[in-house]
Amino acid sequence: MIYPVSEIEYPPSPALLLKAAMIARLESLKTSSDALMTIIAARIGAERLNDLQEVEKLTAEQERIIANMKAMVTS
């Protein structure tokens, strides 16, 4: 997006830096959420096939993604 010269701050204000950090964090959470939904869908498929090794692997990946999302929210 191109902004008019009147809206461009240089150096950026603290509020603008916080806004940019918040947007980046929300984008990361969205990406993680999408990955989590993919893992959950794959795990459900593995459960239906009774593939216990795959279920364990996907459950561990699910827990890792959730831990990362929690860390993003609290930082």
Protein backbone atom coordinates (compact mmCIF):
# COMPACT_ATOMS: atom_id res chain seq x y z
CA MET A 1 0.00 0.00 0.00
CA ILE A 2 1.27 3.45 -0.86
CA TYR A 3 0.71 6.12 1.77
CA PRO A 4 0.52 9.87 1.13
CA VAL A 5 3.54 11.82 2.28
CA SER A 6 1.45 13.35 5.07
CA GLU A 7 1.00 9.89 6.67
CA ILE A 8 4.62 8.77 6.58
CA GLU A 9 6.54 9.25 9.84
CA TYR A 10 10.29 9.16 9.93
CA PRO A 11 11.60 8.22 12.33
CA PRO A 12 8.53 6.23 13.31
CA SER A 13 6.82 7.17 16.55
CA PRO A 14 6.66 4.72 19.46
CA ALA A 15 2.94 4.25 18.76
CA LEU A 16 3.66 3.37 15.13
CA LEU A 17 6.35 0.89 16.20
CA LEU A 18 3.90 -0.76 18.62
CA LYS A 19 1.27 -0.93 15.90
CA ALA A 20 3.73 -2.58 13.51
CA ALA A 21 4.77 -5.09 16.20
CA MET A 22 1.14 -5.90 16.93
CA ILE A 23 0.36 -6.45 13.25
CA ALA A 24 3.41 -8.72 12.89
CA ARG A 25 2.37 -10.71 15.96
CA LEU A 26 -1.19 -11.10 14.68
CA GLU A 27 0.13 -12.27 11.32
CA SER A 28 2.34 -14.85 13.06
CA LEU A 29 -0.60 -16.05 15.14
CA LYS A 30 -2.73 -16.40 12.01
CA THR A 31 -0.03 -18.45 10.31
CA SER A 32 0.36 -20.64 13.40
CA SER A 33 -3.39 -21.06 13.67
CA ASP A 34 -3.57 -22.22 10.06
CA ALA A 35 -0.73 -24.69 10.66
CA LEU A 36 -2.46 -25.97 13.81
CA MET A 37 -5.70 -26.62 11.91
CA THR A 38 -3.75 -28.55 9.26
CA ILE A 39 -2.04 -30.68 11.93
CA ILE A 40 -5.34 -31.38 13.70
CA ALA A 41 -6.96 -32.46 10.42
CA ALA A 42 -4.01 -34.77 9.66
CA ARG A 43 -4.14 -36.20 13.19
CA ILE A 44 -7.86 -36.95 12.88
CA GLY A 45 -7.15 -38.74 9.61
CA ALA A 46 -4.40 -40.78 11.26
CA GLU A 47 -6.72 -41.65 14.16
CA ARG A 48 -9.30 -42.99 11.71
CA LEU A 49 -6.62 -45.18 10.13
CA ASN A 50 -5.40 -46.31 13.59
CA ASP A 51 -1.86 -45.15 12.73
CA LEU A 52 -0.64 -44.69 16.31
CA GLN A 53 2.89 -43.60 15.36
CA GLU A 54 1.54 -40.84 13.12
CA VAL A 55 -0.96 -39.78 15.79
CA GLU A 56 1.84 -39.46 18.36
CA LYS A 57 4.02 -37.48 15.94
CA LEU A 58 1.17 -35.13 15.00
CA THR A 59 0.13 -34.69 18.63
CA ALA A 60 3.67 -33.65 19.53
CA GLU A 61 3.70 -31.18 16.62
CA GLN A 62 0.32 -29.83 17.74
CA GLU A 63 1.61 -29.28 21.27
CA ARG A 64 4.73 -27.54 19.90
CA ILE A 65 2.63 -25.15 17.81
CA ILE A 66 0.35 -24.36 20.75
CA ALA A 67 3.37 -23.66 22.98
CA ASN A 68 4.78 -21.31 20.31
CA MET A 69 1.44 -19.50 20.03
CA LYS A 70 1.28 -19.07 23.80
CA ALA A 71 4.82 -17.67 23.79
CA MET A 72 3.88 -15.18 21.04
CA VAL A 73 0.88 -13.95 23.00
CA THR A 74 2.78 -13.46 26.25
CA SER A 75 5.84 -11.74 24.75
